[in-house]
Amino acid sequence: MIQTSTSFIGIIIGSYGISQMVLRLPVGLLANYRNKHKMIMLIGSLSSGCASLFRIIFNNGIGFLIGNLFSGLASAMWISFMVLYMSFIQKTNKQKQPVQLLSLTI
């Protein structure tokens, strides 16, 4: 048990959505402006790992709050994964190539 009040639990839960909402546009613009999608992906992956570490090491309300903030940051950076994936697909095959790639794995 993390033994926190219900209002603080609401803040913990809301911090994930708010951090993602606030950070998604600036992170996306930065990635497109600087064309640094691989770096953004690396930071997002590390942020996801940091979120888990904070929740494990600091098993209280503050640890979960910081973990959710890192999770929101990682989720805001998810768009770079999609942009990089779409850069591997030819422009003439944008409609059918994801289906072809999917059928190769089955």
PDB file of N, CA and C in Angstrom:
ATOM      1  N   MET A   1       0.829  -1.186   0.000  1.00  0.00           N
ATOM      2  CA  MET A   1       0.000   0.000   0.000  1.00  0.00           C
ATOM      3  C   MET A   1       0.870   1.245   0.000  1.00  0.00           C
ATOM      4  N   ILE A   2       0.442   2.254  -0.748  1.00  0.00           N
ATOM      5  CA  ILE A   2       1.220   3.486  -0.787  1.00  0.00           C
ATOM      6  C   ILE A   2       0.744   4.495   0.254  1.00  0.00           C
ATOM      7  N   GLN A   3      -0.346   4.239   0.898  1.00  0.00           N
ATOM      8  CA  GLN A   3      -0.860   5.023   2.017  1.00  0.00           C
ATOM      9  C   GLN A   3      -0.871   6.526   1.733  1.00  0.00           C
ATOM     10  N   THR A   4      -1.675   6.921   0.742  1.00  0.00           N
ATOM     11  CA  THR A   4      -1.871   8.334   0.439  1.00  0.00           C
ATOM     12  C   THR A   4      -3.356   8.630   0.408  1.00  0.00           C
ATOM     13  N   SER A   5      -3.696   9.884   0.469  1.00  0.00           N
ATOM     14  CA  SER A   5      -5.111  10.272   0.454  1.00  0.00           C
ATOM     15  C   SER A   5      -5.695  10.081  -0.941  1.00  0.00           C
ATOM     16  N   THR A   6      -7.005  10.005  -0.991  1.00  0.00           N
ATOM     17  CA  THR A   6      -7.669   9.797  -2.281  1.00  0.00           C
ATOM     18  C   THR A   6      -7.489  10.995  -3.206  1.00  0.00           C
ATOM     19  N   SER A   7      -7.412  12.180  -2.668  1.00  0.00           N
ATOM     20  CA  SER A   7      -7.203  13.344  -3.533  1.00  0.00           C
ATOM     21  C   SER A   7      -5.804  13.322  -4.152  1.00  0.00           C
ATOM     22  N   PHE A   8      -4.814  12.872  -3.384  1.00  0.00           N
ATOM     23  CA  PHE A   8      -3.464  12.779  -3.939  1.00  0.00           C
ATOM     24  C   PHE A   8      -3.390  11.658  -4.976  1.00  0.00           C
ATOM     25  N   ILE A   9      -4.146  10.606  -4.801  1.00  0.00           N
ATOM     26  CA  ILE A   9      -4.199   9.543  -5.811  1.00  0.00           C
ATOM     27  C   ILE A   9      -4.780  10.094  -7.108  1.00  0.00           C
ATOM     28  N   GLY A  10      -5.777  10.972  -6.999  1.00  0.00           N
ATOM     29  CA  GLY A  10      -6.317  11.625  -8.190  1.00  0.00           C
ATOM     30  C   GLY A  10      -5.283  12.481  -8.889  1.00  0.00           C
ATOM     31  N   ILE A  11      -4.453  13.167  -8.116  1.00  0.00           N
ATOM     32  CA  ILE A  11      -3.374  13.964  -8.704  1.00  0.00           C
ATOM     33  C   ILE A  11      -2.369  13.056  -9.405  1.00  0.00           C
ATOM     34  N   ILE A  12      -2.060  11.929  -8.786  1.00  0.00           N
ATOM     35  CA  ILE A  12      -1.113  10.974  -9.384  1.00  0.00           C
ATOM     36  C   ILE A  12      -1.650  10.471 -10.721  1.00  0.00           C
ATOM     37  N   ILE A  13      -2.909  10.092 -10.750  1.00  0.00           N
ATOM     38  CA  ILE A  13      -3.503   9.567 -11.977  1.00  0.00           C
ATOM     39  C   ILE A  13      -3.594  10.660 -13.042  1.00  0.00           C
ATOM     40  N   GLY A  14      -3.993  11.861 -12.646  1.00  0.00           N
ATOM     41  CA  GLY A  14      -4.116  12.960 -13.593  1.00  0.00           C
ATOM     42  C   GLY A  14      -2.793  13.460 -14.139  1.00  0.00           C
ATOM     43  N   SER A  15      -1.724  13.268 -13.377  1.00  0.00           N
ATOM     44  CA  SER A  15      -0.416  13.760 -13.828  1.00  0.00           C
ATOM     45  C   SER A  15       0.038  13.082 -15.110  1.00  0.00           C
ATOM     46  N   TYR A  16      -0.344  11.831 -15.319  1.00  0.00           N
ATOM     47  CA  TYR A  16       0.020  11.123 -16.544  1.00  0.00           C
ATOM     48  C   TYR A  16      -0.612  11.805 -17.755  1.00  0.00           C
ATOM     49  N   GLY A  17      -1.906  12.030 -17.694  1.00  0.00           N
ATOM     50  CA  GLY A  17      -2.615  12.628 -18.823  1.00  0.00           C
ATOM     51  C   GLY A  17      -2.214  14.065 -19.073  1.00  0.00           C
ATOM     52  N   ILE A  18      -2.060  14.821 -18.009  1.00  0.00           N
ATOM     53  CA  ILE A  18      -1.702  16.229 -18.174  1.00  0.00           C
ATOM     54  C   ILE A  18      -0.286  16.376 -18.731  1.00  0.00           C
ATOM     55  N   SER A  19       0.654  15.584 -18.217  1.00  0.00           N
ATOM     56  CA  SER A  19       2.026  15.688 -18.732  1.00  0.00           C
ATOM     57  C   SER A  19       2.090  15.281 -20.195  1.00  0.00           C
ATOM     58  N   GLN A  20       1.331  14.270 -20.569  1.00  0.00           N
ATOM     59  CA  GLN A  20       1.306  13.847 -21.965  1.00  0.00           C
ATOM     60  C   GLN A  20       0.679  14.930 -22.833  1.00  0.00           C
ATOM     61  N   MET A  21      -0.402  15.522 -22.367  1.00  0.00           N
ATOM     62  CA  MET A  21      -1.093  16.543 -23.140  1.00  0.00           C
ATOM     63  C   MET A  21      -0.220  17.796 -23.313  1.00  0.00           C
ATOM     64  N   VAL A  22       0.470  18.197 -22.260  1.00  0.00           N
ATOM     65  CA  VAL A  22       1.288  19.407 -22.305  1.00  0.00           C
ATOM     66  C   VAL A  22       2.558  19.191 -23.131  1.00  0.00           C
ATOM     67  N   LEU A  23       3.130  18.003 -23.079  1.00  0.00           N
ATOM     68  CA  LEU A  23       4.423  17.762 -23.724  1.00  0.00           C
ATOM     69  C   LEU A  23       4.336  17.277 -25.162  1.00  0.00           C
ATOM     70  N   ARG A  24       3.189  16.743 -25.588  1.00  0.00           N
ATOM     71  CA  ARG A  24       3.110  16.133 -26.912  1.00  0.00           C
ATOM     72  C   ARG A  24       3.405  17.132 -28.037  1.00  0.00           C
ATOM     73  N   LEU A  25       2.804  18.286 -28.020  1.00  0.00           N
ATOM     74  CA  LEU A  25       3.023  19.251 -29.093  1.00  0.00           C
ATOM     75  C   LEU A  25       4.458  19.785 -29.100  1.00  0.00           C
ATOM     76  N   PRO A  26       5.009  20.250 -27.968  1.00  0.00           N
ATOM     77  CA  PRO A  26       6.393  20.732 -28.025  1.00  0.00           C
ATOM     78  C   PRO A  26       7.411  19.660 -28.422  1.00  0.00           C
ATOM     79  N   VAL A  27       7.222  18.445 -27.944  1.00  0.00           N
ATOM     80  CA  VAL A  27       8.153  17.365 -28.296  1.00  0.00           C
ATOM     81  C   VAL A  27       8.043  17.033 -29.777  1.00  0.00           C
ATOM     82  N   GLY A  28       6.824  16.989 -30.304  1.00  0.00           N
ATOM     83  CA  GLY A  28       6.636  16.717 -31.729  1.00  0.00           C
ATOM     84  C   GLY A  28       7.231  17.805 -32.604  1.00  0.00           C
ATOM     85  N   LEU A  29       7.020  19.047 -32.218  1.00  0.00           N
ATOM     86  CA  LEU A  29       7.598  20.152 -32.985  1.00  0.00           C
ATOM     87  C   LEU A  29       9.122  20.136 -32.925  1.00  0.00           C
ATOM     88  N   LEU A  30       9.673  19.850 -31.757  1.00  0.00           N
ATOM     89  CA  LEU A  30      11.123  19.778 -31.614  1.00  0.00           C
ATOM     90  C   LEU A  30      11.708  18.658 -32.462  1.00  0.00           C
ATOM     91  N   ALA A  31      11.053  17.513 -32.455  1.00  0.00           N
ATOM     92  CA  ALA A  31      11.548  16.377 -33.238  1.00  0.00           C
ATOM     93  C   ALA A  31      11.498  16.679 -34.736  1.00  0.00           C
ATOM     94  N   ASN A  32      10.434  17.336 -35.193  1.00  0.00           N
ATOM     95  CA  ASN A  32      10.333  17.662 -36.613  1.00  0.00           C
ATOM     96  C   ASN A  32      11.272  18.796 -36.999  1.00  0.00           C
ATOM     97  N   TYR A  33      11.414  19.774 -36.128  1.00  0.00           N
ATOM     98  CA  TYR A  33      12.259  20.921 -36.437  1.00  0.00           C
ATOM     99  C   TYR A  33      13.730  20.518 -36.506  1.00  0.00           C
ATOM    100  N   ARG A  34      14.166  19.736 -35.569  1.00  0.00           N
ATOM    101  CA  ARG A  34      15.563  19.311 -35.514  1.00  0.00           C
ATOM    102  C   ARG A  34      15.821  18.003 -36.257  1.00  0.00           C
ATOM    103  N   ASN A  35      14.740  17.306 -36.647  1.00  0.00           N
ATOM    104  CA  ASN A  35      14.831  15.994 -37.294  1.00  0.00           C
ATOM    105  C   ASN A  35      15.646  15.020 -36.435  1.00  0.00           C
ATOM    106  N   LYS A  36      15.295  14.949 -35.166  1.00  0.00           N
ATOM    107  CA  LYS A  36      16.006  14.116 -34.193  1.00  0.00           C
ATOM    108  C   LYS A  36      15.085  13.027 -33.643  1.00  0.00           C
ATOM    109  N   HIS A  37      14.404  12.302 -34.512  1.00  0.00           N
ATOM    110  CA  HIS A  37      13.447  11.306 -34.053  1.00  0.00           C
ATOM    111  C   HIS A  37      14.123  10.163 -33.298  1.00  0.00           C
ATOM    112  N   LYS A  38      15.304   9.753 -33.707  1.00  0.00           N
ATOM    113  CA  LYS A  38      15.987   8.650 -33.018  1.00  0.00           C
ATOM    114  C   LYS A  38      16.378   9.052 -31.599  1.00  0.00           C
ATOM    115  N   MET A  39      16.832  10.291 -31.428  1.00  0.00           N
ATOM    116  CA  MET A  39      17.173  10.765 -30.095  1.00  0.00           C
ATOM    117  C   MET A  39      15.917  10.867 -29.213  1.00  0.00           C
ATOM    118  N   ILE A  40      14.827  11.341 -29.795  1.00  0.00           N
ATOM    119  CA  ILE A  40      13.569  11.433 -29.052  1.00  0.00           C
ATOM    120  C   ILE A  40      13.095  10.040 -28.655  1.00  0.00           C
ATOM    121  N   MET A  41      13.254   9.068 -29.546  1.00  0.00           N
ATOM    122  CA  MET A  41      12.863   7.691 -29.223  1.00  0.00           C
ATOM    123  C   MET A  41      13.698   7.135 -28.082  1.00  0.00           C
ATOM    124  N   LEU A  42      14.983   7.423 -28.085  1.00  0.00           N
ATOM    125  CA  LEU A  42      15.860   6.950 -27.019  1.00  0.00           C
ATOM    126  C   LEU A  42      15.470   7.589 -25.684  1.00  0.00           C
ATOM    127  N   ILE A  43      15.229   8.878 -25.686  1.00  0.00           N
ATOM    128  CA  ILE A  43      14.816   9.565 -24.455  1.00  0.00           C
ATOM    129  C   ILE A  43      13.474   9.025 -23.968  1.00  0.00           C
ATOM    130  N   GLY A  44      12.546   8.766 -24.894  1.00  0.00           N
ATOM    131  CA  GLY A  44      11.249   8.204 -24.517  1.00  0.00           C
ATOM    132  C   GLY A  44      11.367   6.823 -23.901  1.00  0.00           C
ATOM    133  N   SER A  45      12.236   5.999 -24.473  1.00  0.00           N
ATOM    134  CA  SER A  45      12.434   4.656 -23.922  1.00  0.00           C
ATOM    135  C   SER A  45      13.078   4.714 -22.546  1.00  0.00           C
ATOM    136  N   LEU A  46      14.057   5.594 -22.383  1.00  0.00           N
ATOM    137  CA  LEU A  46      14.685   5.759 -21.074  1.00  0.00           C
ATOM    138  C   LEU A  46      13.704   6.325 -20.045  1.00  0.00           C
ATOM    139  N   SER A  47      12.829   7.215 -20.484  1.00  0.00           N
ATOM    140  CA  SER A  47      11.818   7.778 -19.579  1.00  0.00           C
ATOM    141  C   SER A  47      10.860   6.702 -19.084  1.00  0.00           C
ATOM    142  N   SER A  48      10.520   5.784 -19.971  1.00  0.00           N
ATOM    143  CA  SER A  48       9.650   4.681 -19.570  1.00  0.00           C
ATOM    144  C   SER A  48      10.323   3.803 -18.523  1.00  0.00           C
ATOM    145  N   GLY A  49      11.608   3.533 -18.720  1.00  0.00           N
ATOM    146  CA  GLY A  49      12.353   2.753 -17.739  1.00  0.00           C
ATOM    147  C   GLY A  49      12.502   3.487 -16.413  1.00  0.00           C
ATOM    148  N   CYS A  50      12.752   4.796 -16.483  1.00  0.00           N
ATOM    149  CA  CYS A  50      12.852   5.601 -15.253  1.00  0.00           C
ATOM    150  C   CYS A  50      11.546   5.599 -14.482  1.00  0.00           C
ATOM    151  N   ALA A  51      10.433   5.625 -15.205  1.00  0.00           N
ATOM    152  CA  ALA A  51       9.127   5.596 -14.544  1.00  0.00           C
ATOM    153  C   ALA A  51       8.973   4.318 -13.717  1.00  0.00           C
ATOM    154  N   SER A  52       9.368   3.207 -14.295  1.00  0.00           N
ATOM    155  CA  SER A  52       9.278   1.941 -13.566  1.00  0.00           C
ATOM    156  C   SER A  52      10.207   1.920 -12.358  1.00  0.00           C
ATOM    157  N   LEU A  53      11.410   2.442 -12.539  1.00  0.00           N
ATOM    158  CA  LEU A  53      12.352   2.473 -11.416  1.00  0.00           C
ATOM    159  C   LEU A  53      11.850   3.340 -10.267  1.00  0.00           C
ATOM    160  N   PHE A  54      11.291   4.492 -10.580  1.00  0.00           N
ATOM    161  CA  PHE A  54      10.766   5.351  -9.522  1.00  0.00           C
ATOM    162  C   PHE A  54       9.628   4.670  -8.765  1.00  0.00           C
ATOM    163  N   ARG A  55       8.783   3.950  -9.491  1.00  0.00           N
ATOM    164  CA  ARG A  55       7.672   3.270  -8.820  1.00  0.00           C
ATOM    165  C   ARG A  55       8.161   2.121  -7.942  1.00  0.00           C
ATOM    166  N   ILE A  56       9.237   1.465  -8.346  1.00  0.00           N
ATOM    167  CA  ILE A  56       9.769   0.342  -7.563  1.00  0.00           C
ATOM    168  C   ILE A  56      10.572   0.834  -6.364  1.00  0.00           C
ATOM    169  N   ILE A  57      11.481   1.772  -6.617  1.00  0.00           N
ATOM    170  CA  ILE A  57      12.376   2.225  -5.549  1.00  0.00           C
ATOM    171  C   ILE A  57      11.637   3.064  -4.508  1.00  0.00           C
ATOM    172  N   PHE A  58      10.848   4.031  -4.982  1.00  0.00           N
ATOM    173  CA  PHE A  58      10.094   4.893  -4.073  1.00  0.00           C
ATOM    174  C   PHE A  58       8.644   4.439  -4.082  1.00  0.00           C
ATOM    175  N   ASN A  59       8.340   3.461  -3.296  1.00  0.00           N
ATOM    176  CA  ASN A  59       7.017   2.843  -3.278  1.00  0.00           C
ATOM    177  C   ASN A  59       6.073   3.648  -2.386  1.00  0.00           C
ATOM    178  N   ASN A  60       5.885   4.920  -2.764  1.00  0.00           N
ATOM    179  CA  ASN A  60       4.943   5.779  -2.050  1.00  0.00           C
ATOM    180  C   ASN A  60       4.280   6.709  -3.064  1.00  0.00           C
ATOM    181  N   GLY A  61       3.510   7.636  -2.584  1.00  0.00           N
ATOM    182  CA  GLY A  61       2.771   8.525  -3.478  1.00  0.00           C
ATOM    183  C   GLY A  61       3.670   9.375  -4.352  1.00  0.00           C
ATOM    184  N   ILE A  62       4.749   9.891  -3.788  1.00  0.00           N
ATOM    185  CA  ILE A  62       5.667  10.731  -4.559  1.00  0.00           C
ATOM    186  C   ILE A  62       6.354   9.918  -5.656  1.00  0.00           C
ATOM    187  N   GLY A  63       6.734   8.686  -5.357  1.00  0.00           N
ATOM    188  CA  GLY A  63       7.349   7.823  -6.362  1.00  0.00           C
ATOM    189  C   GLY A  63       6.412   7.539  -7.519  1.00  0.00           C
ATOM    190  N   PHE A  64       5.138   7.314  -7.207  1.00  0.00           N
ATOM    191  CA  PHE A  64       4.166   7.070  -8.261  1.00  0.00           C
ATOM    192  C   PHE A  64       3.868   8.341  -9.045  1.00  0.00           C
ATOM    193  N   LEU A  65       3.882   9.492  -8.389  1.00  0.00           N
ATOM    194  CA  LEU A  65       3.676  10.764  -9.088  1.00  0.00           C
ATOM    195  C   LEU A  65       4.819  11.015 -10.073  1.00  0.00           C
ATOM    196  N   ILE A  66       6.047  10.871  -9.627  1.00  0.00           N
ATOM    197  CA  ILE A  66       7.197  11.070 -10.511  1.00  0.00           C
ATOM    198  C   ILE A  66       7.198  10.019 -11.618  1.00  0.00           C
ATOM    199  N   GLY A  67       6.829   8.789 -11.286  1.00  0.00           N
ATOM    200  CA  GLY A  67       6.739   7.735 -12.291  1.00  0.00           C
ATOM    201  C   GLY A  67       5.712   8.054 -13.360  1.00  0.00           C
ATOM    202  N   ASN A  68       4.570   8.591 -12.961  1.00  0.00           N
ATOM    203  CA  ASN A  68       3.548   8.951 -13.941  1.00  0.00           C
ATOM    204  C   ASN A  68       3.981  10.136 -14.800  1.00  0.00           C
ATOM    205  N   LEU A  69       4.741  11.058 -14.233  1.00  0.00           N
ATOM    206  CA  LEU A  69       5.262  12.165 -15.032  1.00  0.00           C
ATOM    207  C   LEU A  69       6.238  11.654 -16.092  1.00  0.00           C
ATOM    208  N   PHE A  70       7.103  10.712 -15.716  1.00  0.00           N
ATOM    209  CA  PHE A  70       8.011  10.104 -16.693  1.00  0.00           C
ATOM    210  C   PHE A  70       7.244   9.280 -17.727  1.00  0.00           C
ATOM    211  N   SER A  71       6.176   8.610 -17.320  1.00  0.00           N
ATOM    212  CA  SER A  71       5.353   7.855 -18.272  1.00  0.00           C
ATOM    213  C   SER A  71       4.670   8.786 -19.259  1.00  0.00           C
ATOM    214  N   GLY A  72       4.207   9.922 -18.784  1.00  0.00           N
ATOM    215  CA  GLY A  72       3.602  10.907 -19.680  1.00  0.00           C
ATOM    216  C   GLY A  72       4.612  11.446 -20.679  1.00  0.00           C
ATOM    217  N   LEU A  73       5.834  11.676 -20.223  1.00  0.00           N
ATOM    218  CA  LEU A  73       6.897  12.120 -21.127  1.00  0.00           C
ATOM    219  C   LEU A  73       7.180  11.051 -22.175  1.00  0.00           C
ATOM    220  N   ALA A  74       7.252   9.801 -21.761  1.00  0.00           N
ATOM    221  CA  ALA A  74       7.496   8.707 -22.710  1.00  0.00           C
ATOM    222  C   ALA A  74       6.351   8.593 -23.716  1.00  0.00           C
ATOM    223  N   SER A  75       5.126   8.759 -23.267  1.00  0.00           N
ATOM    224  CA  SER A  75       3.978   8.680 -24.175  1.00  0.00           C
ATOM    225  C   SER A  75       3.942   9.849 -25.147  1.00  0.00           C
ATOM    226  N   ALA A  76       4.397  11.015 -24.707  1.00  0.00           N
ATOM    227  CA  ALA A  76       4.444  12.168 -25.600  1.00  0.00           C
ATOM    228  C   ALA A  76       5.454  11.958 -26.715  1.00  0.00           C
ATOM    229  N   MET A  77       6.429  11.122 -26.501  1.00  0.00           N
ATOM    230  CA  MET A  77       7.474  10.886 -27.492  1.00  0.00           C
ATOM    231  C   MET A  77       7.156   9.717 -28.420  1.00  0.00           C
ATOM    232  N   TRP A  78       6.014   9.086 -28.242  1.00  0.00           N
ATOM    233  CA  TRP A  78       5.657   7.918 -29.037  1.00  0.00           C
ATOM    234  C   TRP A  78       5.496   8.259 -30.515  1.00  0.00           C
ATOM    235  N   ILE A  79       5.134   9.490 -30.836  1.00  0.00           N
ATOM    236  CA  ILE A  79       4.910   9.871 -32.229  1.00  0.00           C
ATOM    237  C   ILE A  79       6.183   9.706 -33.064  1.00  0.00           C
ATOM    238  N   SER A  80       7.347   9.852 -32.461  1.00  0.00           N
ATOM    239  CA  SER A  80       8.592   9.682 -33.210  1.00  0.00           C
ATOM    240  C   SER A  80       8.768   8.248 -33.697  1.00  0.00           C
ATOM    241  N   PHE A  81       8.269   7.272 -32.935  1.00  0.00           N
ATOM    242  CA  PHE A  81       8.303   5.886 -33.390  1.00  0.00           C
ATOM    243  C   PHE A  81       7.478   5.740 -34.669  1.00  0.00           C
ATOM    244  N   MET A  82       6.308   6.379 -34.697  1.00  0.00           N
ATOM    245  CA  MET A  82       5.429   6.272 -35.862  1.00  0.00           C
ATOM    246  C   MET A  82       6.031   6.991 -37.072  1.00  0.00           C
ATOM    247  N   VAL A  83       6.632   8.149 -36.855  1.00  0.00           N
ATOM    248  CA  VAL A  83       7.247   8.894 -37.955  1.00  0.00           C
ATOM    249  C   VAL A  83       8.400   8.097 -38.544  1.00  0.00           C
ATOM    250  N   LEU A  84       9.227   7.503 -37.708  1.00  0.00           N
ATOM    251  CA  LEU A  84      10.344   6.705 -38.205  1.00  0.00           C
ATOM    252  C   LEU A  84       9.835   5.484 -38.970  1.00  0.00           C
ATOM    253  N   TYR A  85       8.799   4.819 -38.471  1.00  0.00           N
ATOM    254  CA  TYR A  85       8.236   3.658 -39.158  1.00  0.00           C
ATOM    255  C   TYR A  85       7.707   4.050 -40.536  1.00  0.00           C
ATOM    256  N   MET A  86       6.998   5.176 -40.597  1.00  0.00           N
ATOM    257  CA  MET A  86       6.429   5.602 -41.870  1.00  0.00           C
ATOM    258  C   MET A  86       7.509   6.042 -42.865  1.00  0.00           C
ATOM    259  N   SER A  87       8.684   6.423 -42.376  1.00  0.00           N
ATOM    260  CA  SER A  87       9.751   6.820 -43.292  1.00  0.00           C
ATOM    261  C   SER A  87      10.320   5.615 -44.047  1.00  0.00           C
ATOM    262  N   PHE A  88      10.085   4.400 -43.573  1.00  0.00           N
ATOM    263  CA  PHE A  88      10.559   3.204 -44.249  1.00  0.00           C
ATOM    264  C   PHE A  88       9.621   2.741 -45.356  1.00  0.00           C
ATOM    265  N   ILE A  89       8.451   3.331 -45.454  1.00  0.00           N
ATOM    266  CA  ILE A  89       7.451   2.909 -46.430  1.00  0.00           C
ATOM    267  C   ILE A  89       7.496   3.848 -47.624  1.00  0.00           C
ATOM    268  N   GLN A  90       7.467   3.292 -48.825  1.00  0.00           N
ATOM    269  CA  GLN A  90       7.487   4.100 -50.044  1.00  0.00           C
ATOM    270  C   GLN A  90       6.194   4.904 -50.156  1.00  0.00           C
ATOM    271  N   LYS A  91       6.285   6.099 -50.722  1.00  0.00           N
ATOM    272  CA  LYS A  91       5.120   6.979 -50.816  1.00  0.00           C
ATOM    273  C   LYS A  91       4.021   6.391 -51.688  1.00  0.00           C
ATOM    274  N   THR A  92       4.370   5.620 -52.698  1.00  0.00           N
ATOM    275  CA  THR A  92       3.350   5.054 -53.581  1.00  0.00           C
ATOM    276  C   THR A  92       2.600   3.904 -52.913  1.00  0.00           C
ATOM    277  N   ASN A  93       3.164   3.314 -51.863  1.00  0.00           N
ATOM    278  CA  ASN A  93       2.557   2.150 -51.217  1.00  0.00           C
ATOM    279  C   ASN A  93       2.070   2.443 -49.803  1.00  0.00           C
ATOM    280  N   LYS A  94       1.799   3.690 -49.466  1.00  0.00           N
ATOM    281  CA  LYS A  94       1.408   4.041 -48.095  1.00  0.00           C
ATOM    282  C   LYS A  94       0.127   3.322 -47.672  1.00  0.00           C
ATOM    283  N   GLN A  95      -0.789   3.062 -48.602  1.00  0.00           N
ATOM    284  CA  GLN A  95      -2.056   2.422 -48.258  1.00  0.00           C
ATOM    285  C   GLN A  95      -1.913   0.918 -48.059  1.00  0.00           C
ATOM    286  N   LYS A  96      -1.120   0.246 -48.880  1.00  0.00           N
ATOM    287  CA  LYS A  96      -1.100  -1.208 -48.835  1.00  0.00           C
ATOM    288  C   LYS A  96       0.148  -1.809 -48.185  1.00  0.00           C
ATOM    289  N   GLN A  97       1.230  -1.082 -48.057  1.00  0.00           N
ATOM    290  CA  GLN A  97       2.454  -1.673 -47.549  1.00  0.00           C
ATOM    291  C   GLN A  97       2.364  -2.127 -46.094  1.00  0.00           C
ATOM    292  N   PRO A  98       1.693  -1.381 -45.161  1.00  0.00           N
ATOM    293  CA  PRO A  98       1.592  -1.922 -43.796  1.00  0.00           C
ATOM    294  C   PRO A  98       0.909  -3.281 -43.758  1.00  0.00           C
ATOM    295  N   VAL A  99      -0.071  -3.507 -44.646  1.00  0.00           N
ATOM    296  CA  VAL A  99      -0.742  -4.802 -44.697  1.00  0.00           C
ATOM    297  C   VAL A  99       0.221  -5.861 -45.204  1.00  0.00           C
ATOM    298  N   GLN A 100       1.035  -5.515 -46.193  1.00  0.00           N
ATOM    299  CA  GLN A 100       2.010  -6.462 -46.712  1.00  0.00           C
ATOM    300  C   GLN A 100       3.057  -6.796 -45.658  1.00  0.00           C
ATOM    301  N   LEU A 101       3.517  -5.809 -44.906  1.00  0.00           N
ATOM    302  CA  LEU A 101       4.480  -6.071 -43.853  1.00  0.00           C
ATOM    303  C   LEU A 101       3.878  -6.946 -42.766  1.00  0.00           C
ATOM    304  N   LEU A 102       2.611  -6.723 -42.463  1.00  0.00           N
ATOM    305  CA  LEU A 102       1.937  -7.509 -41.456  1.00  0.00           C
ATOM    306  C   LEU A 102       1.773  -8.943 -41.911  1.00  0.00           C
ATOM    307  N   SER A 103       1.475  -9.164 -43.189  1.00  0.00           N
ATOM    308  CA  SER A 103       1.272 -10.523 -43.679  1.00  0.00           C
ATOM    309  C   SER A 103       2.588 -11.309 -43.720  1.00  0.00           C
ATOM    310  N   LEU A 104       3.722 -10.604 -43.821  1.00  0.00           N
ATOM    311  CA  LEU A 104       5.005 -11.299 -43.816  1.00  0.00           C
ATOM    312  C   LEU A 104       5.328 -11.901 -42.442  1.00  0.00           C
ATOM    313  N   THR A 105       4.810 -11.294 -41.396  1.00  0.00           N
ATOM    314  CA  THR A 105       5.120 -11.778 -40.055  1.00  0.00           C
ATOM    315  C   THR A 105       4.216 -12.911 -39.622  1.00  0.00           C
ATOM    316  N   ILE A 106       3.114 -13.113 -40.308  1.00  0.00           N
ATOM    317  CA  ILE A 106       2.149 -14.150 -39.892  1.00  0.00           C
ATOM    318  C   ILE A 106       2.547 -15.503 -40.423  1.00  0.00           C
TER     319      ILE A 106
END
